[in-house]
């Protein structure tokens, strides 16, 4: 799988977000190992220190744990914690930005809600 890195944020942060997404969607199940630093560095053609920094952030957040001699593993409860954090961020940051953009475009919140319900079904 190829990943397109962007210039909007550091690669380690993008990798951290990618691993977090894979934890949430179950690609990296709780209790299971994530790919090694060397493997990820090789697969994505990035520096191993960059991978290490991304993994360390996830350790610091309590989502991954180091097992000496075995590697990094997804901690139990990581998926639920991530989902909860992502929902909170969505509510606090993304929805207000979305509503503000709709208003700039001259759309009412009701019009946006009706469109969302028509596109995505019931909430």
N, C-alpha and C. Protein backbone atom coordinates (compact mmCIF):
# COMPACT_ATOMS: atom_id res chain seq x y z
N UNK A 1 0.85 -1.17 0.00
CA UNK A 1 0.00 0.00 0.00
C UNK A 1 0.89 1.24 0.00
N UNK A 2 0.56 2.20 -0.84
CA UNK A 2 1.32 3.44 -0.87
C UNK A 2 0.55 4.51 -0.13
N UNK A 3 1.29 5.40 0.49
CA UNK A 3 0.71 6.51 1.22
C UNK A 3 1.27 7.79 0.62
N UNK A 4 0.40 8.75 0.39
CA UNK A 4 0.82 10.05 -0.10
C UNK A 4 0.99 10.97 1.10
N UNK A 5 2.23 11.30 1.44
CA UNK A 5 2.49 12.21 2.55
C UNK A 5 2.24 13.63 2.06
N UNK A 6 1.66 14.46 2.92
CA UNK A 6 1.44 15.85 2.53
C UNK A 6 2.36 16.77 3.32
N UNK A 7 2.42 18.01 2.90
CA UNK A 7 3.30 18.99 3.54
C UNK A 7 2.60 19.77 4.65
N UNK A 8 1.36 19.43 4.95
CA UNK A 8 0.60 20.19 5.94
C UNK A 8 0.98 19.87 7.38
N UNK A 9 1.52 18.69 7.60
CA UNK A 9 1.97 18.31 8.94
C UNK A 9 3.12 17.32 8.81
N UNK A 10 3.92 17.17 9.88
CA UNK A 10 5.08 16.27 9.81
C UNK A 10 4.67 14.83 9.49
N UNK A 11 5.58 14.12 8.83
CA UNK A 11 5.29 12.74 8.44
C UNK A 11 5.02 11.87 9.66
N UNK A 12 5.77 12.07 10.76
CA UNK A 12 5.52 11.23 11.94
C UNK A 12 4.09 11.40 12.43
N UNK A 13 3.55 12.61 12.32
CA UNK A 13 2.18 12.87 12.77
C UNK A 13 1.18 12.20 11.83
N UNK A 14 1.45 12.24 10.54
CA UNK A 14 0.59 11.57 9.56
C UNK A 14 0.61 10.06 9.79
N UNK A 15 1.79 9.52 10.08
CA UNK A 15 1.91 8.08 10.34
C UNK A 15 1.17 7.72 11.63
N UNK A 16 1.31 8.56 12.66
CA UNK A 16 0.59 8.34 13.92
C UNK A 16 -0.91 8.27 13.65
N UNK A 17 -1.42 9.21 12.84
CA UNK A 17 -2.84 9.23 12.52
C UNK A 17 -3.26 8.00 11.70
N UNK A 18 -2.39 7.55 10.81
CA UNK A 18 -2.68 6.36 10.01
C UNK A 18 -2.78 5.13 10.90
N UNK A 19 -1.84 4.97 11.82
CA UNK A 19 -1.88 3.83 12.75
C UNK A 19 -3.13 3.92 13.63
N UNK A 20 -3.44 5.11 14.11
CA UNK A 20 -4.64 5.30 14.93
C UNK A 20 -5.89 4.90 14.15
N UNK A 21 -5.96 5.30 12.90
CA UNK A 21 -7.11 4.94 12.06
C UNK A 21 -7.21 3.42 11.91
N UNK A 22 -6.08 2.77 11.74
CA UNK A 22 -6.08 1.31 11.59
C UNK A 22 -6.45 0.60 12.89
N UNK A 23 -6.16 1.22 14.01
CA UNK A 23 -6.62 0.66 15.28
C UNK A 23 -8.14 0.79 15.37
N UNK A 24 -8.66 1.97 15.01
CA UNK A 24 -10.11 2.19 15.08
C UNK A 24 -10.88 1.28 14.13
N UNK A 25 -10.35 1.06 12.92
CA UNK A 25 -11.10 0.24 11.96
C UNK A 25 -10.85 -1.27 12.12
N UNK A 26 -9.99 -1.64 13.08
CA UNK A 26 -9.77 -3.05 13.36
C UNK A 26 -8.68 -3.71 12.55
N UNK A 27 -8.02 -2.96 11.67
CA UNK A 27 -6.91 -3.53 10.91
C UNK A 27 -5.80 -3.97 11.85
N UNK A 28 -5.57 -3.17 12.90
CA UNK A 28 -4.63 -3.53 13.96
C UNK A 28 -5.45 -3.81 15.21
N UNK A 29 -5.81 -5.08 15.45
CA UNK A 29 -6.68 -5.44 16.58
C UNK A 29 -5.99 -5.25 17.94
N UNK A 30 -6.80 -5.00 18.94
CA UNK A 30 -6.29 -4.87 20.30
C UNK A 30 -5.62 -6.17 20.72
N UNK A 31 -4.47 -6.04 21.39
CA UNK A 31 -3.72 -7.20 21.85
C UNK A 31 -2.76 -7.75 20.82
N UNK A 32 -2.84 -7.28 19.60
CA UNK A 32 -1.98 -7.79 18.53
C UNK A 32 -0.83 -6.83 18.26
N UNK A 33 0.24 -7.35 17.67
CA UNK A 33 1.41 -6.55 17.33
C UNK A 33 1.13 -5.67 16.12
N UNK A 34 1.75 -4.50 16.11
CA UNK A 34 1.74 -3.65 14.93
C UNK A 34 3.05 -3.93 14.18
N UNK A 35 3.12 -3.57 12.91
CA UNK A 35 4.36 -3.82 12.18
C UNK A 35 5.56 -3.15 12.86
N UNK A 36 6.71 -3.77 12.74
CA UNK A 36 7.92 -3.26 13.38
C UNK A 36 8.32 -1.92 12.78
N UNK A 37 9.10 -1.18 13.55
CA UNK A 37 9.62 0.11 13.08
C UNK A 37 10.37 -0.08 11.78
N UNK A 38 11.23 -1.10 11.73
CA UNK A 38 12.02 -1.34 10.52
C UNK A 38 11.14 -1.69 9.32
N UNK A 39 10.11 -2.49 9.57
CA UNK A 39 9.21 -2.88 8.48
C UNK A 39 8.47 -1.67 7.92
N UNK A 40 7.94 -0.84 8.80
CA UNK A 40 7.21 0.36 8.36
C UNK A 40 8.14 1.32 7.63
N UNK A 41 9.35 1.51 8.17
CA UNK A 41 10.32 2.40 7.52
C UNK A 41 10.64 1.90 6.11
N UNK A 42 10.80 0.59 5.98
CA UNK A 42 11.09 0.01 4.67
C UNK A 42 9.89 0.11 3.73
N UNK A 43 8.71 -0.23 4.23
CA UNK A 43 7.50 -0.22 3.39
C UNK A 43 7.19 1.17 2.84
N UNK A 44 7.35 2.18 3.68
CA UNK A 44 6.97 3.54 3.29
C UNK A 44 8.15 4.41 2.88
N UNK A 45 9.34 3.82 2.88
CA UNK A 45 10.55 4.54 2.49
C UNK A 45 10.73 5.83 3.30
N UNK A 46 10.62 5.68 4.63
CA UNK A 46 10.83 6.80 5.54
C UNK A 46 11.85 6.39 6.58
N UNK A 47 12.41 7.37 7.25
CA UNK A 47 13.43 7.14 8.26
C UNK A 47 12.85 6.38 9.45
N UNK A 48 13.62 5.44 9.99
CA UNK A 48 13.15 4.66 11.12
C UNK A 48 12.91 5.53 12.36
N UNK A 49 13.64 6.64 12.47
CA UNK A 49 13.42 7.56 13.59
C UNK A 49 12.04 8.22 13.50
N UNK A 50 11.60 8.46 12.30
CA UNK A 50 10.26 9.03 12.07
C UNK A 50 9.20 8.05 12.55
N UNK A 51 9.37 6.79 12.20
CA UNK A 51 8.44 5.74 12.64
C UNK A 51 8.47 5.62 14.16
N UNK A 52 9.67 5.61 14.71
CA UNK A 52 9.81 5.52 16.16
C UNK A 52 9.10 6.66 16.88
N UNK A 53 9.19 7.86 16.33
CA UNK A 53 8.53 9.01 16.95
C UNK A 53 7.02 8.87 16.90
N UNK A 54 6.49 8.38 15.78
CA UNK A 54 5.04 8.16 15.65
C UNK A 54 4.59 7.11 16.66
N UNK A 55 5.32 6.01 16.75
CA UNK A 55 4.97 4.96 17.69
C UNK A 55 5.07 5.45 19.14
N UNK A 56 6.10 6.26 19.43
CA UNK A 56 6.26 6.76 20.79
C UNK A 56 5.09 7.65 21.19
N UNK A 57 4.58 8.44 20.26
CA UNK A 57 3.39 9.25 20.57
C UNK A 57 2.22 8.35 20.95
N UNK A 58 2.06 7.26 20.22
CA UNK A 58 0.96 6.33 20.51
C UNK A 58 1.17 5.62 21.84
N UNK A 59 2.42 5.36 22.20
CA UNK A 59 2.73 4.79 23.52
C UNK A 59 2.38 5.82 24.60
N UNK A 60 2.81 7.06 24.39
CA UNK A 60 2.55 8.12 25.36
C UNK A 60 1.05 8.35 25.57
N UNK A 61 0.26 8.12 24.52
CA UNK A 61 -1.19 8.29 24.60
C UNK A 61 -1.88 7.06 25.19
N UNK A 62 -1.10 6.01 25.46
CA UNK A 62 -1.66 4.80 26.05
C UNK A 62 -2.36 3.89 25.05
N UNK A 63 -2.03 4.04 23.78
CA UNK A 63 -2.67 3.24 22.74
C UNK A 63 -1.84 2.03 22.32
N UNK A 64 -0.53 2.18 22.39
CA UNK A 64 0.38 1.07 22.11
C UNK A 64 1.21 0.81 23.36
N UNK A 65 1.73 -0.42 23.46
CA UNK A 65 2.64 -0.73 24.55
C UNK A 65 3.84 -1.48 24.00
N UNK A 66 5.01 -1.21 24.57
CA UNK A 66 6.24 -1.89 24.19
C UNK A 66 6.33 -3.17 25.00
N UNK A 67 6.63 -4.25 24.32
CA UNK A 67 6.91 -5.51 25.00
C UNK A 67 8.34 -5.88 24.65
N UNK A 68 9.18 -5.83 25.65
CA UNK A 68 10.62 -6.03 25.44
C UNK A 68 10.89 -7.32 24.66
N UNK A 69 11.60 -7.16 23.57
CA UNK A 69 11.97 -8.29 22.74
C UNK A 69 10.89 -8.77 21.80
N UNK A 70 9.69 -8.22 21.92
CA UNK A 70 8.57 -8.66 21.08
C UNK A 70 8.07 -7.58 20.14
N UNK A 71 8.19 -6.32 20.52
CA UNK A 71 7.74 -5.24 19.67
C UNK A 71 6.63 -4.41 20.30
N UNK A 72 5.89 -3.75 19.46
CA UNK A 72 4.79 -2.87 19.89
C UNK A 72 3.46 -3.59 19.69
N UNK A 73 2.59 -3.43 20.66
CA UNK A 73 1.28 -4.07 20.62
C UNK A 73 0.19 -3.04 20.91
N UNK A 74 -0.98 -3.28 20.31
CA UNK A 74 -2.13 -2.42 20.56
C UNK A 74 -2.68 -2.76 21.94
N UNK A 75 -2.83 -1.76 22.77
CA UNK A 75 -3.33 -1.98 24.13
C UNK A 75 -4.83 -2.25 24.10
N UNK A 76 -5.27 -3.03 25.07
CA UNK A 76 -6.71 -3.28 25.24
C UNK A 76 -7.40 -1.95 25.52
N UNK A 77 -8.52 -1.71 24.89
CA UNK A 77 -9.27 -0.47 25.08
C UNK A 77 -8.84 0.67 24.18
N UNK A 78 -7.80 0.46 23.37
CA UNK A 78 -7.28 1.53 22.51
C UNK A 78 -8.31 2.00 21.49
N UNK A 79 -9.02 1.07 20.88
CA UNK A 79 -10.00 1.44 19.86
C UNK A 79 -11.11 2.31 20.44
N UNK A 80 -11.63 1.92 21.57
CA UNK A 80 -12.68 2.70 22.21
C UNK A 80 -12.21 4.08 22.61
N UNK A 81 -11.00 4.17 23.15
CA UNK A 81 -10.45 5.46 23.55
C UNK A 81 -10.26 6.37 22.33
N UNK A 82 -9.75 5.81 21.25
CA UNK A 82 -9.55 6.59 20.04
C UNK A 82 -10.88 7.07 19.47
N UNK A 83 -11.85 6.19 19.42
CA UNK A 83 -13.15 6.55 18.88
C UNK A 83 -13.77 7.67 19.71
N UNK A 84 -13.68 7.57 21.01
CA UNK A 84 -14.21 8.60 21.90
C UNK A 84 -13.51 9.94 21.66
N UNK A 85 -12.17 9.91 21.56
CA UNK A 85 -11.41 11.13 21.30
C UNK A 85 -11.75 11.74 19.95
N UNK A 86 -11.87 10.89 18.94
CA UNK A 86 -12.18 11.38 17.60
C UNK A 86 -13.57 11.99 17.54
N UNK A 87 -14.53 11.37 18.22
CA UNK A 87 -15.89 11.93 18.27
C UNK A 87 -15.87 13.31 18.92
N UNK A 88 -15.13 13.43 20.02
CA UNK A 88 -15.06 14.71 20.72
C UNK A 88 -14.42 15.77 19.84
N UNK A 89 -13.37 15.42 19.14
CA UNK A 89 -12.72 16.37 18.23
C UNK A 89 -13.67 16.77 17.11
N UNK A 90 -14.41 15.81 16.59
CA UNK A 90 -15.36 16.08 15.52
C UNK A 90 -16.42 17.08 16.00
N UNK A 91 -16.93 16.85 17.20
CA UNK A 91 -17.96 17.73 17.76
C UNK A 91 -17.42 19.13 18.03
N UNK A 92 -16.23 19.21 18.60
CA UNK A 92 -15.68 20.50 19.03
C UNK A 92 -15.03 21.30 17.91
N UNK A 93 -14.47 20.62 16.91
CA UNK A 93 -13.72 21.34 15.89
C UNK A 93 -14.31 21.26 14.49
N UNK A 94 -14.64 20.05 14.05
CA UNK A 94 -15.04 19.89 12.67
C UNK A 94 -16.47 20.36 12.39
N UNK A 95 -17.39 20.07 13.29
CA UNK A 95 -18.77 20.52 13.07
C UNK A 95 -18.87 22.05 13.04
N UNK A 96 -18.28 22.76 14.03
CA UNK A 96 -18.35 24.22 13.96
C UNK A 96 -17.72 24.79 12.68
N UNK A 97 -16.60 24.23 12.23
CA UNK A 97 -15.97 24.69 11.00
C UNK A 97 -16.88 24.42 9.80
N UNK A 98 -17.52 23.27 9.80
CA UNK A 98 -18.44 22.88 8.73
C UNK A 98 -19.64 23.83 8.68
N UNK A 99 -20.21 24.11 9.84
CA UNK A 99 -21.37 25.02 9.92
C UNK A 99 -20.97 26.42 9.47
N UNK A 100 -19.80 26.89 9.90
CA UNK A 100 -19.34 28.21 9.50
C UNK A 100 -19.16 28.28 7.98
N UNK A 101 -18.61 27.23 7.40
CA UNK A 101 -18.42 27.20 5.93
C UNK A 101 -19.77 27.21 5.22
N UNK A 102 -20.74 26.45 5.72
CA UNK A 102 -22.08 26.42 5.12
C UNK A 102 -22.70 27.81 5.17
N UNK A 103 -22.55 28.50 6.29
CA UNK A 103 -23.12 29.85 6.42
C UNK A 103 -22.47 30.82 5.43
N UNK A 104 -21.15 30.71 5.24
CA UNK A 104 -20.46 31.56 4.26
C UNK A 104 -21.03 31.32 2.87
N UNK A 105 -21.41 30.09 2.61
CA UNK A 105 -21.98 29.74 1.30
C UNK A 105 -23.47 30.07 1.20
N UNK A 106 -24.02 30.62 2.28
CA UNK A 106 -25.42 31.02 2.26
C UNK A 106 -26.39 29.87 2.51
N UNK A 107 -25.91 28.81 3.11
CA UNK A 107 -26.76 27.65 3.39
C UNK A 107 -27.19 27.68 4.85
N UNK A 108 -28.46 27.36 5.09
CA UNK A 108 -28.93 27.28 6.46
C UNK A 108 -28.54 25.92 7.05
N UNK A 109 -28.50 25.85 8.38
CA UNK A 109 -28.20 24.59 9.04
C UNK A 109 -29.27 23.55 8.67
N UNK A 110 -30.52 23.97 8.56
CA UNK A 110 -31.62 23.06 8.18
C UNK A 110 -31.37 22.49 6.79
N UNK A 111 -30.97 23.34 5.86
CA UNK A 111 -30.69 22.89 4.49
C UNK A 111 -29.56 21.86 4.49
N UNK A 112 -28.52 22.12 5.26
CA UNK A 112 -27.39 21.19 5.35
C UNK A 112 -27.85 19.88 5.98
N UNK A 113 -28.63 19.97 7.06
CA UNK A 113 -29.12 18.76 7.74
C UNK A 113 -29.98 17.94 6.79
N UNK A 114 -30.88 18.59 6.06
CA UNK A 114 -31.72 17.86 5.10
C UNK A 114 -30.88 17.16 4.04
N UNK A 115 -29.85 17.86 3.57
CA UNK A 115 -28.97 17.27 2.55
C UNK A 115 -28.22 16.07 3.13
N UNK A 116 -27.72 16.21 4.36
CA UNK A 116 -27.00 15.10 5.00
C UNK A 116 -27.90 13.90 5.20
N UNK A 117 -29.13 14.14 5.64
CA UNK A 117 -30.05 13.04 5.84
C UNK A 117 -30.42 12.37 4.52
N UNK A 118 -30.50 13.14 3.46
CA UNK A 118 -30.78 12.58 2.15
C UNK A 118 -29.63 11.78 1.60
N UNK A 119 -28.41 12.21 1.87
CA UNK A 119 -27.21 11.52 1.38
C UNK A 119 -26.87 10.30 2.21
N UNK A 120 -26.89 10.46 3.53
CA UNK A 120 -26.38 9.42 4.39
C UNK A 120 -27.43 8.61 5.12
N UNK A 121 -28.69 8.90 4.85
CA UNK A 121 -29.74 8.20 5.58
C UNK A 121 -29.94 8.82 6.93
N UNK A 122 -30.54 8.08 7.83
CA UNK A 122 -30.81 8.60 9.15
C UNK A 122 -29.55 8.59 10.00
N UNK A 123 -29.48 9.54 10.90
CA UNK A 123 -28.32 9.65 11.80
C UNK A 123 -28.40 8.63 12.90
